């Protein structure tokens, strides 16, 4: 009887499992050792492809566990999932969007001097387990100068009470593509029909709460002909969207250059994963999602109040509130998601502006110019000083995007005297992680 009581009191953490190829470490982290030596960007892309990141380390216990895990692999050093945009721990941000390294880090004093970070494993005994910043060497032709192995991390999940219909198990949720639903009709449907079909099988059209989840869903459709799928967003009042499953709207990945209006949302699963509004009468494939049930006895659902889709990136990433005006002119660190605009927008620009724009380590920057009516000159350069976009001489431009090759960019804008008949109203752009 006492043994049975002991089993009943075991914490639920013992139900945690990891995807194939990953190992549960510290009963909290799913890790995979990748021995193939790669540059930083290629390592990030490898982990991102399965809905993960380079390993993140938030406390000394996990730091020791990651060190032991990599040391068993017989490597000298590994890339880890943190990027630094200055020389203090507060300027170093985790790949998984959980904030900065202020609360815990293992950098030697005065050693934060470069954007990318590695953990020293063997050699240099005094540095074993320490974090060493180094150049990312992402520029073509440079990546082979400093390749190294790395450790990927994905969220742990749980083993369902019934594995039937749970082929795609990620972060305590099961995902089923409409093509894989047996006996429920066609793989395509209207927004209303898609929602009803998911509910018939005890699921919902998916709510999406992180860029990592976006990446995981995109990977489900890799190599298929499916271009867009319905997800579980539904228009509310004004420009607000709510998730049909009642969870909070705490992550926004709307396509800034899609100006179509509609009451339903689709996700571009072959592109960058952006969401677009559509008329619910259109037919698309769809995805169903449900929480994993580890016990056949239903648990009460907790419903959160939906929020506004305009996310405050400073709060989400635990940054100080931005005290600049809405243009973010002369920002020394603008961490995506966010926006930039000419000073005084939508009035005539009155000041030279520069922006140091950054994305978390696994991501590149998408800069989406949704308004341009200016005679000014704008330039974008990457972290190595290469110009990757120059825009001047055309007063009125159709909305357009610009993508950076890395996660660091500098944008400058210089007002110019009016040379035509149009009123100079400046520019506006939305910045996203892609």
Protein backbone atom coordinates (compact mmCIF):
# COMPACT_ATOMS: atom_id res chain seq x y z
CA UNK A 1 0.00 0.00 0.00
CA UNK A 2 2.80 2.42 0.88
CA UNK A 3 4.53 1.66 -2.43
CA UNK A 4 1.31 2.39 -4.31
CA UNK A 5 0.97 5.68 -2.45
CA UNK A 6 4.56 6.54 -3.40
CA UNK A 7 3.76 5.98 -7.06
CA UNK A 8 0.71 8.19 -6.84
CA UNK A 9 2.78 10.99 -5.34
CA UNK A 10 5.46 10.93 -8.06
CA UNK A 11 5.56 14.27 -9.91
CA UNK A 12 4.11 14.40 -13.42
CA UNK A 13 7.59 15.20 -14.78
CA UNK A 14 8.15 11.46 -15.06
CA UNK A 15 5.65 11.48 -17.96
CA UNK A 16 7.90 13.74 -19.99
CA UNK A 17 9.30 12.33 -23.21
CA UNK A 18 11.45 13.65 -26.05
CA UNK A 19 11.19 13.37 -29.84
CA UNK A 20 13.19 10.68 -31.58
CA UNK A 21 16.91 11.41 -31.44
CA UNK A 22 16.63 13.64 -28.36
CA UNK A 23 17.44 12.72 -24.77
CA UNK A 24 15.74 13.98 -21.61
CA UNK A 25 18.30 15.76 -19.43
CA UNK A 26 17.62 17.05 -15.90
CA UNK A 27 14.03 15.87 -16.35
CA UNK A 28 13.33 19.17 -18.13
CA UNK A 29 15.33 19.54 -21.34
CA UNK A 30 15.31 17.52 -24.58
CA UNK A 31 18.81 17.65 -26.08
CA UNK A 32 20.46 16.25 -29.18
CA UNK A 33 24.20 16.24 -29.83
CA UNK A 34 25.17 17.14 -33.41
CA UNK A 35 28.79 16.20 -34.07
CA UNK A 36 28.92 17.67 -37.58
CA UNK A 37 30.93 20.88 -37.35
CA UNK A 38 29.06 23.89 -38.72
CA UNK A 39 29.20 27.66 -38.74
CA UNK A 40 26.82 29.39 -36.35
CA UNK A 41 24.09 30.17 -38.90
CA UNK A 42 23.98 26.59 -40.23
CA UNK A 43 23.84 25.25 -36.67
CA UNK A 44 20.91 27.56 -35.85
CA UNK A 45 19.06 26.50 -39.02
CA UNK A 46 19.57 22.82 -38.21
CA UNK A 47 17.96 23.17 -34.77
CA UNK A 48 15.21 25.48 -36.04
CA UNK A 49 14.10 22.93 -38.65
CA UNK A 50 12.61 20.71 -35.92
CA UNK A 51 10.99 23.51 -33.92
CA UNK A 52 13.95 23.95 -31.60
CA UNK A 53 16.93 26.18 -30.93
CA UNK A 54 20.54 25.84 -29.92
CA UNK A 55 20.57 24.78 -26.28
CA UNK A 56 19.60 27.45 -23.73
CA UNK A 57 20.96 27.42 -20.18
CA UNK A 58 19.18 29.32 -17.39
CA UNK A 59 20.84 28.02 -14.21
CA UNK A 60 24.02 26.40 -12.89
CA UNK A 61 22.45 22.94 -12.65
CA UNK A 62 21.53 22.96 -16.33
CA UNK A 63 24.93 24.38 -17.22
CA UNK A 64 26.63 21.41 -15.58
CA UNK A 65 24.19 19.00 -17.24
CA UNK A 66 24.83 20.47 -20.71
CA UNK A 67 28.58 20.39 -20.10
CA UNK A 68 28.38 16.70 -19.07
CA UNK A 69 26.16 15.89 -22.06
CA UNK A 70 28.59 17.48 -24.54
CA UNK A 71 31.67 16.14 -22.76
CA UNK A 72 30.39 12.59 -23.25
CA UNK A 73 30.38 13.37 -26.96
CA UNK A 74 34.12 14.04 -26.88
CA UNK A 75 34.04 17.57 -28.33
CA UNK A 76 36.18 20.62 -27.56
CA UNK A 77 33.44 23.28 -27.68
CA UNK A 78 29.80 23.70 -28.75
CA UNK A 79 27.62 26.55 -29.98
CA UNK A 80 24.91 27.48 -27.47
CA UNK A 81 21.70 29.46 -28.01
CA UNK A 82 22.44 32.97 -26.86
CA UNK A 83 23.39 36.09 -28.86
CA UNK A 84 25.03 39.24 -27.47
CA UNK A 85 24.44 42.70 -28.90
CA UNK A 86 26.68 44.59 -26.48
CA UNK A 87 29.31 43.92 -23.81
CA UNK A 88 27.01 43.23 -20.84
CA UNK A 89 24.88 40.22 -19.90
CA UNK A 90 21.74 42.37 -20.23
CA UNK A 91 22.49 42.66 -23.96
CA UNK A 92 22.62 38.86 -24.40
CA UNK A 93 19.32 37.21 -25.35
CA UNK A 94 18.24 33.57 -25.41
CA UNK A 95 17.19 31.94 -28.67
CA UNK A 96 13.84 30.84 -27.22
CA UNK A 97 12.66 34.44 -26.55
CA UNK A 98 12.73 33.93 -22.77
CA UNK A 99 14.72 37.11 -22.12
CA UNK A 100 18.28 38.14 -21.32
CA UNK A 101 21.11 36.48 -19.42
CA UNK A 102 20.97 38.89 -16.47
CA UNK A 103 19.54 36.31 -14.05
CA UNK A 104 22.15 33.67 -14.89
CA UNK A 105 25.18 33.46 -17.14
CA UNK A 106 28.61 31.83 -17.13
CA UNK A 107 30.69 34.37 -19.02
CA UNK A 108 34.16 35.04 -17.58
CA UNK A 109 34.49 38.68 -16.47
CA UNK A 110 34.95 41.08 -19.37
CA UNK A 111 34.63 38.38 -22.03
CA UNK A 112 31.47 39.51 -23.89
CA UNK A 113 33.08 40.89 -27.04
CA UNK A 114 31.27 39.21 -29.97
CA UNK A 115 27.72 38.25 -31.04
CA UNK A 116 27.80 34.43 -30.94
CA UNK A 117 28.52 32.18 -27.97
CA UNK A 118 30.18 28.81 -27.42
CA UNK A 119 30.64 26.67 -24.31
CA UNK A 120 34.17 25.43 -23.73
CA UNK A 121 34.13 21.65 -23.11
CA UNK A 122 37.65 20.22 -23.15
CA UNK A 123 41.08 21.88 -23.21
CA UNK A 124 41.80 25.01 -21.13
CA UNK A 125 40.73 23.42 -17.84
CA UNK A 126 40.00 26.77 -16.18
CA UNK A 127 37.44 27.58 -18.88
CA UNK A 128 35.62 24.25 -19.02
CA UNK A 129 31.88 24.89 -18.86
CA UNK A 130 32.41 28.64 -19.38
CA UNK A 131 30.77 30.63 -22.18
CA UNK A 132 33.04 32.30 -24.70
CA UNK A 133 31.74 34.84 -27.22
CA UNK A 134 33.19 34.74 -30.70
CA UNK A 135 32.46 36.01 -34.18
CA UNK A 136 29.67 34.09 -35.88
CA UNK A 137 31.67 33.64 -39.10
CA UNK A 138 28.40 33.51 -41.06
CA UNK A 139 29.53 35.45 -44.09
CA UNK A 140 30.00 33.25 -47.20
CA UNK A 141 33.54 31.95 -47.28
CA UNK A 142 34.09 32.66 -43.58
CA UNK A 143 31.90 29.95 -42.03
CA UNK A 144 34.60 27.31 -42.41
CA UNK A 145 37.02 29.37 -40.33
CA UNK A 146 35.35 28.43 -37.07
CA UNK A 147 32.94 25.48 -37.43
CA UNK A 148 32.08 23.48 -34.33
CA UNK A 149 29.58 20.88 -33.14
CA UNK A 150 26.50 21.94 -31.20
CA UNK A 151 23.57 20.81 -29.05
CA UNK A 152 19.96 21.34 -30.15
CA UNK A 153 17.09 21.70 -27.71
CA UNK A 154 13.35 21.20 -28.24
CA UNK A 155 10.58 21.49 -25.64
CA UNK A 156 9.85 18.24 -23.80
CA UNK A 157 6.42 16.77 -24.41
CA UNK A 158 4.29 14.05 -22.85
CA UNK A 159 3.22 10.56 -23.81
CA UNK A 160 -0.52 10.63 -24.56
CA UNK A 161 -2.93 8.32 -22.82
CA UNK A 162 -3.67 7.02 -26.32
CA UNK A 163 -1.12 7.35 -29.11
CA UNK A 164 -3.86 6.97 -31.76
CA UNK A 165 -3.82 10.04 -33.99
CA UNK A 166 -0.80 11.61 -32.28
CA UNK A 167 1.93 11.15 -34.86
CA UNK A 168 3.01 14.80 -34.53
CA UNK A 169 3.73 15.32 -30.84
CA UNK A 170 5.27 18.69 -29.91
CA UNK A 171 5.40 20.64 -26.65
CA UNK A 172 2.49 18.77 -25.00
CA UNK A 173 0.22 19.06 -28.04
CA UNK A 174 -0.83 16.73 -30.84
CA UNK A 175 -1.13 18.06 -34.40
CA UNK A 176 -3.06 16.35 -37.20
CA UNK A 177 -3.10 17.54 -40.82
CA UNK A 178 -6.48 17.50 -42.55
CA UNK A 179 -5.11 15.03 -45.10
CA UNK A 180 -4.46 12.59 -42.25
CA UNK A 181 -7.93 12.77 -40.71
CA UNK A 182 -9.63 9.47 -41.55
CA UNK A 183 -13.31 9.41 -42.44
CA UNK A 184 -13.91 13.14 -42.02
CA UNK A 185 -14.34 14.17 -45.65
CA UNK A 186 -12.10 16.23 -47.91
CA UNK A 187 -8.68 17.57 -46.93
CA UNK A 188 -9.83 21.09 -47.79
CA UNK A 189 -12.68 23.05 -46.33
CA UNK A 190 -13.99 26.51 -45.56
CA UNK A 191 -12.95 28.15 -42.34
CA UNK A 192 -16.22 27.16 -40.68
CA UNK A 193 -16.08 23.58 -41.92
CA UNK A 194 -12.44 23.22 -40.88
CA UNK A 195 -13.27 24.38 -37.35
CA UNK A 196 -16.25 22.03 -37.13
CA UNK A 197 -14.25 19.05 -38.42
CA UNK A 198 -11.48 19.59 -35.87
CA UNK A 199 -14.09 19.75 -33.12
CA UNK A 200 -15.67 16.51 -34.35
CA UNK A 201 -12.40 14.71 -33.56
CA UNK A 202 -11.94 16.45 -30.21
CA UNK A 203 -9.48 19.08 -31.41
CA UNK A 204 -9.33 22.73 -32.48
CA UNK A 205 -7.83 24.71 -35.29
CA UNK A 206 -4.44 25.61 -33.79
CA UNK A 207 -3.61 28.62 -31.71
CA UNK A 208 0.08 29.53 -32.12
CA UNK A 209 2.11 31.01 -29.31
CA UNK A 210 5.75 31.26 -30.41
CA UNK A 211 8.07 31.48 -33.39
CA UNK A 212 9.30 28.01 -32.48
CA UNK A 213 5.77 26.65 -32.94
CA UNK A 214 5.55 28.42 -36.31
CA UNK A 215 8.76 26.64 -37.35
CA UNK A 216 7.46 23.27 -36.16
CA UNK A 217 4.23 23.62 -38.16
CA UNK A 218 6.11 24.72 -41.28
CA UNK A 219 8.27 21.63 -40.98
CA UNK A 220 5.15 19.40 -40.98
CA UNK A 221 4.48 20.54 -44.55
CA UNK A 222 8.06 20.45 -45.78
CA UNK A 223 8.21 18.67 -49.15
CA UNK A 224 4.44 18.82 -49.72
CA UNK A 225 2.38 20.80 -52.23
CA UNK A 226 0.37 22.47 -49.47
CA UNK A 227 0.92 26.23 -49.48
CA UNK A 228 -1.57 27.57 -46.89
CA UNK A 229 -3.57 26.05 -44.03
CA UNK A 230 -6.33 27.40 -41.83
CA UNK A 231 -5.29 28.18 -38.26
CA UNK A 232 -7.56 29.01 -35.35
CA UNK A 233 -7.69 32.80 -35.44
CA UNK A 234 -11.06 34.51 -35.80
CA UNK A 235 -11.77 38.21 -36.17
CA UNK A 236 -13.18 39.97 -33.13
CA UNK A 237 -13.97 43.65 -32.77
CA UNK A 238 -11.98 46.22 -34.70
CA UNK A 239 -8.65 44.85 -35.88
CA UNK A 240 -8.42 42.34 -33.03
CA UNK A 241 -8.19 38.59 -33.56
CA UNK A 242 -8.96 35.89 -30.99
CA UNK A 243 -7.96 32.23 -30.81
CA UNK A 244 -10.93 29.90 -31.14
CA UNK A 245 -9.59 27.63 -28.39
CA UNK A 246 -9.82 30.49 -25.87
CA UNK A 247 -6.08 30.86 -25.21
CA UNK A 248 -4.39 34.25 -25.03
CA UNK A 249 -3.28 36.09 -28.15
CA UNK A 250 0.29 36.41 -26.85
CA UNK A 251 2.17 36.07 -30.15
CA UNK A 252 1.53 37.85 -33.43
CA UNK A 253 2.89 36.82 -36.85
CA UNK A 254 0.57 38.68 -39.22
CA UNK A 255 1.94 39.42 -42.69
CA UNK A 256 2.54 43.20 -42.61
CA UNK A 257 2.18 43.47 -46.41
CA UNK A 258 -1.08 41.56 -46.74
CA UNK A 259 -3.83 44.19 -46.68
CA UNK A 260 -6.71 41.82 -47.43
CA UNK A 261 -9.47 41.75 -44.83
CA UNK A 262 -11.28 38.65 -43.65
CA UNK A 263 -12.62 36.93 -40.56
CA UNK A 264 -10.36 33.83 -40.74
CA UNK A 265 -6.61 33.28 -40.75
CA UNK A 266 -4.39 31.10 -42.93
CA UNK A 267 -0.70 30.38 -42.43
CA UNK A 268 1.82 30.30 -45.30
CA UNK A 269 3.53 26.97 -44.64
CA UNK A 270 5.91 27.10 -47.61
CA UNK A 271 7.12 30.66 -47.04
CA UNK A 272 8.08 32.30 -43.78
CA UNK A 273 5.01 31.08 -41.89
CA UNK A 274 3.26 34.47 -41.86
CA UNK A 275 -0.50 34.70 -41.24
CA UNK A 276 -2.99 36.39 -43.55
CA UNK A 277 -6.65 37.30 -43.23
CA UNK A 278 -9.00 35.57 -45.68
CA UNK A 279 -12.71 35.29 -46.29
CA UNK A 280 -13.90 32.23 -44.35
CA UNK A 281 -15.73 30.92 -47.44
CA UNK A 282 -12.43 30.13 -49.18
CA UNK A 283 -11.26 26.53 -49.11
CA UNK A 284 -7.87 25.52 -47.78
CA UNK A 285 -6.30 22.56 -46.06
CA UNK A 286 -6.21 22.89 -42.30
CA UNK A 287 -4.47 21.67 -39.17
CA UNK A 288 -6.04 20.40 -35.95
CA UNK A 289 -4.40 20.67 -32.53
CA UNK A 290 -5.19 19.30 -29.09
CA UNK A 291 -3.59 19.18 -25.67
CA UNK A 292 -2.12 15.80 -24.88
CA UNK A 293 -4.27 13.79 -22.48
CA UNK A 294 -2.09 11.76 -20.12
CA UNK A 295 -5.07 10.59 -18.09
CA UNK A 296 -8.45 9.57 -19.55
CA UNK A 297 -10.17 11.69 -16.88
CA UNK A 298 -10.71 15.13 -18.44
CA UNK A 299 -9.10 18.04 -16.62
CA UNK A 300 -10.81 21.42 -16.38
CA UNK A 301 -9.71 23.85 -19.07
CA UNK A 302 -8.25 27.20 -18.13
CA UNK A 303 -9.38 29.94 -20.48
CA UNK A 304 -7.39 33.10 -20.77
CA UNK A 305 -8.74 36.40 -22.01
CA UNK A 306 -7.57 37.07 -25.58
CA UNK A 307 -5.37 40.08 -26.01
CA UNK A 308 -4.53 42.55 -28.72
CA UNK A 309 -2.44 41.24 -31.63
CA UNK A 310 -0.11 44.21 -31.41
CA UNK A 311 2.52 42.68 -29.12
CA UNK A 312 4.73 44.94 -26.99
CA UNK A 313 8.09 43.40 -27.82
CA UNK A 314 9.84 45.31 -25.03
CA UNK A 315 7.64 43.64 -22.41
CA UNK A 316 7.61 40.21 -24.08
CA UNK A 317 11.41 40.07 -24.19
CA UNK A 318 11.84 41.71 -20.77
CA UNK A 319 13.48 44.82 -22.21
CA UNK A 320 13.14 48.26 -20.65
CA UNK A 321 10.22 50.27 -21.98
CA UNK A 322 11.22 52.21 -25.09
CA UNK A 323 11.18 55.88 -24.13
CA UNK A 324 11.77 57.11 -27.68
CA UNK A 325 9.01 58.33 -29.95
CA UNK A 326 7.07 55.89 -32.15
CA UNK A 327 9.69 56.08 -34.90
CA UNK A 328 12.32 54.47 -32.60
CA UNK A 329 14.73 56.90 -34.27
CA UNK A 330 18.36 56.46 -33.17
CA UNK A 331 17.69 53.21 -31.32
CA UNK A 332 20.87 51.54 -30.11
CA UNK A 333 19.05 48.19 -29.77
CA UNK A 334 15.72 47.47 -31.44
CA UNK A 335 14.96 43.79 -30.90
CA UNK A 336 12.38 42.31 -33.28
CA UNK A 337 9.41 42.28 -33.37
CA UNK A 338 8.95 46.03 -33.62
CA UNK A 339 8.65 48.89 -36.07
CA UNK A 340 10.65 51.79 -37.44
CA UNK A 341 9.57 54.94 -39.24
CA UNK A 342 10.89 58.33 -40.25
CA UNK A 343 10.89 60.85 -37.42
CA UNK A 344 7.52 62.61 -37.34
CA UNK A 345 5.74 60.02 -39.53
CA UNK A 346 3.21 60.47 -41.12
CA UNK A 347 4.35 64.09 -41.41
CA UNK A 348 7.39 65.26 -43.34
CA UNK A 349 10.58 63.71 -41.89
CA UNK A 350 12.64 66.19 -39.91
CA UNK A 351 15.66 64.27 -38.67
CA UNK A 352 18.41 61.89 -39.67
CA UNK A 353 17.77 58.49 -38.03
CA UNK A 354 19.71 55.30 -37.47
CA UNK A 355 18.52 52.00 -36.03
CA UNK A 356 20.51 49.04 -34.73
CA UNK A 357 18.03 46.26 -35.49
CA UNK A 358 18.45 42.77 -34.06
CA UNK A 359 16.68 39.41 -34.08
CA UNK A 360 17.24 36.45 -31.78
CA UNK A 361 20.01 34.07 -32.82
CA UNK A 362 18.06 31.53 -34.90
CA UNK A 363 16.35 34.15 -37.04
CA UNK A 364 16.98 36.60 -39.80
CA UNK A 365 15.27 39.96 -40.06
CA UNK A 366 12.30 40.69 -42.28
CA UNK A 367 11.83 44.45 -42.72
CA UNK A 368 8.39 45.07 -44.25
CA UNK A 369 7.93 48.58 -45.65
CA UNK A 370 4.15 48.98 -45.56
CA UNK A 371 4.26 52.72 -46.35
CA UNK A 372 6.71 54.80 -48.42
CA UNK A 373 6.01 58.35 -49.59
CA UNK A 374 9.30 60.17 -49.14
CA UNK A 375 12.12 61.83 -51.05
CA UNK A 376 14.57 60.66 -48.40
CA UNK A 377 17.32 58.06 -48.71
CA UNK A 378 17.38 54.78 -46.74
CA UNK A 379 20.20 52.25 -46.49
CA UNK A 380 20.44 48.83 -44.84
CA UNK A 381 23.75 47.13 -44.04
CA UNK A 382 24.53 43.77 -42.45
CA UNK A 383 26.78 43.09 -39.47
CA UNK A 384 29.85 43.04 -41.73
CA UNK A 385 29.08 46.46 -43.22
CA UNK A 386 27.85 45.13 -46.57
CA UNK A 387 25.06 47.21 -48.10
CA UNK A 388 22.01 44.99 -48.61
CA UNK A 389 19.47 47.63 -49.58
CA UNK A 390 19.49 51.23 -50.83
CA UNK A 391 16.25 53.11 -51.50
CA UNK A 392 16.12 56.64 -52.84
CA UNK A 393 15.01 58.57 -55.89
CA UNK A 394 11.48 57.13 -55.99
CA UNK A 395 8.91 59.10 -54.04
CA UNK A 396 6.02 56.62 -53.95
CA UNK A 397 6.77 52.90 -53.62
CA UNK A 398 4.45 49.92 -53.54
CA UNK A 399 4.83 48.14 -50.16
CA UNK A 400 7.90 45.90 -50.26
CA UNK A 401 9.98 43.65 -47.98
CA UNK A 402 13.71 43.44 -47.41
CA UNK A 403 15.35 40.40 -45.81
CA UNK A 404 18.72 40.34 -44.08
CA UNK A 405 21.16 37.42 -44.36
CA UNK A 406 21.86 37.45 -40.61
CA UNK A 407 20.18 38.56 -37.39
CA UNK A 408 21.94 41.94 -37.20
CA UNK A 409 21.37 45.00 -39.38
CA UNK A 410 21.90 48.76 -39.34
CA UNK A 411 19.30 50.98 -41.01
CA UNK A 412 19.89 54.67 -41.74
CA UNK A 413 17.51 57.28 -43.14
CA UNK A 414 18.36 60.78 -44.35
CA UNK A 415 15.63 63.29 -45.25
CA UNK A 416 16.05 65.04 -48.59
CA UNK A 417 14.60 68.30 -49.93
CA UNK A 418 11.29 67.98 -51.74
CA UNK A 419 11.88 67.56 -55.49
CA UNK A 420 8.38 66.72 -56.80
CA UNK A 421 4.73 67.53 -56.37
CA UNK A 422 3.94 64.89 -53.74
CA UNK A 423 3.78 65.65 -50.02
CA UNK A 424 6.68 64.01 -48.15
CA UNK A 425 5.11 61.87 -45.41
CA UNK A 426 8.08 59.62 -44.67
CA UNK A 427 8.08 55.83 -44.36
CA UNK A 428 6.97 53.08 -41.97
CA UNK A 429 8.19 49.47 -41.66
CA UNK A 430 7.38 46.46 -39.48
CA UNK A 431 10.35 44.36 -38.33
CA UNK A 432 9.86 40.63 -37.72
CA UNK A 433 12.00 37.58 -36.99
CA UNK A 434 11.91 35.14 -39.93
